[in-house]
Amino acid sequence: MTIRAAGAGDADADADALALVGGATFLESYAWMIPAADLLAHVAARHGAEVYAAWLADAGSRVFVATAPLGAVMGYAVLTAPDLPADCVLDGDVELRRIYLLGIAQGQGSGAALMAAVLEGARDMGAARVTLGVHGGNARAIGFYGRMGFAPIGRRTFTVGGQVYDDLVMGRGFE
């Protein structure tokens, strides 16, 4: 895998690829727990190319992509201003809004490489801490974040369709 900043070349192509991978990874992760109609509506609203195009155009956001040897996007990460409960946010925080990697690319060090790019990008943004929200039942992701130095700092709820889910909020400062 190669990790690169998104949008440096063809931002439209990156936005389309991010939308495709975003929808696929959300489906991979949550199809077992979210009704199909709610899942599809959520992906359409939160993983459309226009969502990624807006982040790519936002000077306060950073987007990184993990690509296979022939250039296909296999995963990505998005850093933005925090959109978390006020009691979980400190001055100087940035939020790791998304870090998704297709299942076929997991377990090969790509997630750690993507996270390294995220942390370097956050430092470049002047962040004091990186925060994120993760589904409270996603033990694999929570374990990964723990290995990357993140610790619980709070909770929030997340709604998909008519169902409310509990998220764990985690953070990691820089030493």
Protein backbone atom coordinates (compact mmCIF):
# COMPACT_ATOMS: atom_id res chain seq x y z
CA MET A 1 0.00 0.00 0.00
CA THR A 2 0.97 3.55 -0.64
CA ILE A 3 -0.39 6.36 1.52
CA ARG A 4 -0.87 9.76 -0.10
CA ALA A 5 -2.74 13.00 0.43
CA ALA A 6 -6.05 12.97 -1.43
CA GLY A 7 -7.09 15.68 -3.83
CA ALA A 8 -3.60 16.73 -4.90
CA GLY A 9 -4.21 15.51 -8.46
CA ASP A 10 -7.72 14.75 -9.63
CA ALA A 11 -9.96 15.73 -6.69
CA ASP A 12 -13.13 14.57 -8.48
CA ALA A 13 -11.70 11.09 -9.05
CA ASP A 14 -10.58 10.93 -5.42
CA ALA A 15 -14.04 12.00 -4.20
CA ASP A 16 -15.66 9.28 -6.31
CA ALA A 17 -13.21 6.62 -5.06
CA LEU A 18 -13.64 7.72 -1.43
CA ALA A 19 -17.43 7.49 -1.77
CA LEU A 20 -17.15 3.97 -3.21
CA VAL A 21 -14.78 2.75 -0.49
CA GLY A 22 -16.73 4.59 2.21
CA GLY A 23 -19.97 2.86 1.26
CA ALA A 24 -18.30 -0.53 0.91
CA THR A 25 -16.49 -0.37 4.24
CA PHE A 26 -19.58 0.89 6.06
CA LEU A 27 -21.49 -2.05 4.60
CA GLU A 28 -18.69 -4.47 5.60
CA SER A 29 -18.68 -3.14 9.14
CA TYR A 30 -22.35 -2.65 9.92
CA ALA A 31 -24.55 -4.77 7.63
CA TRP A 32 -24.95 -7.28 10.47
CA MET A 33 -26.54 -4.70 12.80
CA ILE A 34 -28.29 -2.00 10.73
CA PRO A 35 -31.45 -2.68 8.72
CA ALA A 36 -30.82 -2.60 4.96
CA ALA A 37 -32.99 0.45 4.20
CA ASP A 38 -31.37 2.46 6.99
CA LEU A 39 -27.90 1.34 5.89
CA LEU A 40 -28.50 2.39 2.28
CA ALA A 41 -29.99 5.76 3.28
CA HIS A 42 -27.04 6.44 5.60
CA VAL A 43 -24.48 5.56 2.93
CA ALA A 44 -26.28 7.77 0.38
CA ALA A 45 -26.34 10.73 2.79
CA ARG A 46 -22.94 10.37 4.48
CA HIS A 47 -20.79 8.71 1.83
CA GLY A 48 -21.73 10.50 -1.37
CA ALA A 49 -18.97 11.93 -3.53
CA GLU A 50 -20.14 15.44 -2.63
CA VAL A 51 -19.37 14.79 1.06
CA TYR A 52 -15.79 13.88 0.21
CA ALA A 53 -15.46 16.70 -2.32
CA ALA A 54 -16.40 19.18 0.43
CA TRP A 55 -13.73 17.78 2.76
CA LEU A 56 -11.16 17.84 -0.05
CA ALA A 57 -11.99 21.51 -0.71
CA ASP A 58 -11.91 22.49 2.98
CA ALA A 59 -8.56 24.02 3.99
CA GLY A 60 -9.23 22.89 7.59
CA SER A 61 -9.51 19.21 6.63
CA ARG A 62 -6.99 16.61 5.54
CA VAL A 63 -7.79 13.43 3.63
CA PHE A 64 -5.36 10.56 3.14
CA VAL A 65 -5.81 7.53 0.90
CA ALA A 66 -4.24 4.08 0.96
CA THR A 67 -3.81 2.73 -2.55
CA ALA A 68 -2.99 -0.69 -3.98
CA PRO A 69 0.01 -1.02 -6.31
CA LEU A 70 -2.06 -0.21 -9.42
CA GLY A 71 -3.66 2.84 -7.78
CA ALA A 72 -7.04 1.56 -6.55
CA VAL A 73 -8.12 3.22 -3.30
CA MET A 74 -8.33 0.55 -0.59
CA GLY A 75 -8.83 2.81 2.40
CA TYR A 76 -8.77 6.37 3.62
CA ALA A 77 -8.78 8.69 6.62
CA VAL A 78 -10.34 12.12 7.12
CA LEU A 79 -9.24 14.76 9.66
CA THR A 80 -11.63 17.65 10.34
CA ALA A 81 -12.60 20.13 12.99
CA PRO A 82 -14.24 18.21 15.86
CA ASP A 83 -17.94 17.35 15.68
CA LEU A 84 -18.15 15.62 19.05
CA PRO A 85 -19.93 16.39 22.33
CA ALA A 86 -18.56 19.56 23.95
CA ASP A 87 -17.39 17.66 27.04
CA CYS A 88 -15.08 15.57 24.81
CA VAL A 89 -13.42 18.45 22.95
CA LEU A 90 -10.48 20.61 23.98
CA ASP A 91 -8.93 23.59 22.24
CA GLY A 92 -6.48 22.34 19.65
CA ASP A 93 -8.32 19.08 18.92
CA VAL A 94 -8.87 17.66 15.46
CA GLU A 95 -11.20 14.76 14.82
CA LEU A 96 -10.34 11.64 12.92
CA ARG A 97 -13.77 11.63 11.33
CA ARG A 98 -13.19 8.47 9.33
CA ILE A 99 -10.54 5.84 8.97
CA TYR A 100 -11.76 2.98 6.84
CA LEU A 101 -9.86 0.16 5.19
CA LEU A 102 -11.43 -2.57 3.07
CA GLY A 103 -11.32 -5.97 4.77
CA ILE A 104 -9.07 -7.42 2.10
CA ALA A 105 -6.42 -4.81 3.00
CA GLN A 106 -6.56 -5.28 6.77
CA GLY A 107 -3.99 -7.16 8.81
CA GLN A 108 -1.06 -6.16 6.61
CA GLY A 109 0.13 -3.00 8.35
CA SER A 110 -1.89 -0.67 6.13
CA GLY A 111 -4.04 0.57 9.00
CA ALA A 112 -0.97 1.48 11.04
CA ALA A 113 0.58 3.23 8.01
CA LEU A 114 -2.64 5.16 7.43
CA MET A 115 -2.77 6.12 11.12
CA ALA A 116 0.86 7.30 10.97
CA ALA A 117 -0.09 9.62 8.09
CA VAL A 118 -3.08 10.86 10.11
CA LEU A 119 -0.96 11.64 13.16
CA GLU A 120 1.66 13.42 11.05
CA GLY A 121 -1.10 15.37 9.30
CA ALA A 122 -2.64 16.34 12.64
CA ARG A 123 0.73 17.60 13.87
CA ASP A 124 1.12 19.59 10.65
CA MET A 125 -2.29 21.13 11.34
CA GLY A 126 -1.04 22.22 14.78
CA ALA A 127 -3.33 19.85 16.67
CA ALA A 128 -2.74 19.17 20.32
CA ARG A 129 -4.84 16.01 20.26
CA VAL A 130 -6.64 13.71 17.82
CA THR A 131 -10.12 12.54 18.80
CA LEU A 132 -12.47 10.01 17.23
CA GLY A 133 -15.78 8.26 17.75
CA VAL A 134 -16.12 4.51 17.35
CA HIS A 135 -19.12 2.22 17.73
CA GLY A 136 -18.98 0.89 21.28
CA GLY A 137 -19.46 -2.68 20.03
CA ASN A 138 -16.64 -2.57 17.50
CA ALA A 139 -14.03 -4.38 19.59
CA ARG A 140 -11.63 -4.79 16.67
CA ALA A 141 -11.52 -1.05 15.94
CA ILE A 142 -11.31 -0.14 19.63
CA GLY A 143 -8.39 -2.54 20.01
CA PHE A 144 -6.64 -1.00 17.00
CA TYR A 145 -7.09 2.52 18.37
CA GLY A 146 -5.77 1.39 21.75
CA ARG A 147 -2.66 -0.03 20.08
CA MET A 148 -2.23 3.31 18.32
CA GLY A 149 -2.20 5.17 21.65
CA PHE A 150 -5.83 6.28 21.90
CA ALA A 151 -7.71 6.09 25.20
CA PRO A 152 -11.40 6.59 26.08
CA ILE A 153 -12.39 10.19 26.86
CA GLY A 154 -16.19 10.06 26.70
CA ARG A 155 -19.29 8.79 24.96
CA ARG A 156 -21.79 9.97 22.37
CA THR A 157 -24.79 8.62 20.54
CA PHE A 158 -24.97 8.05 16.81
CA THR A 159 -28.21 7.66 14.88
CA VAL A 160 -28.68 5.62 11.72
CA GLY A 161 -32.24 5.48 10.51
CA GLY A 162 -34.45 5.20 13.56
CA GLN A 163 -31.89 3.42 15.73
CA VAL A 164 -29.58 5.12 18.23
CA TYR A 165 -26.16 3.55 18.81
CA ASP A 166 -23.60 4.18 21.53
CA ASP A 167 -20.17 5.35 20.48
CA LEU A 168 -17.01 5.49 22.51
CA VAL A 169 -15.04 8.72 22.08
CA MET A 170 -11.29 8.27 22.21
CA GLY A 171 -8.38 10.69 22.11
CA ARG A 172 -4.64 10.74 21.75
CA GLY A 173 -2.34 13.65 22.49
CA PHE A 174 1.18 14.23 21.27
CA GLU A 175 4.18 13.86 23.51
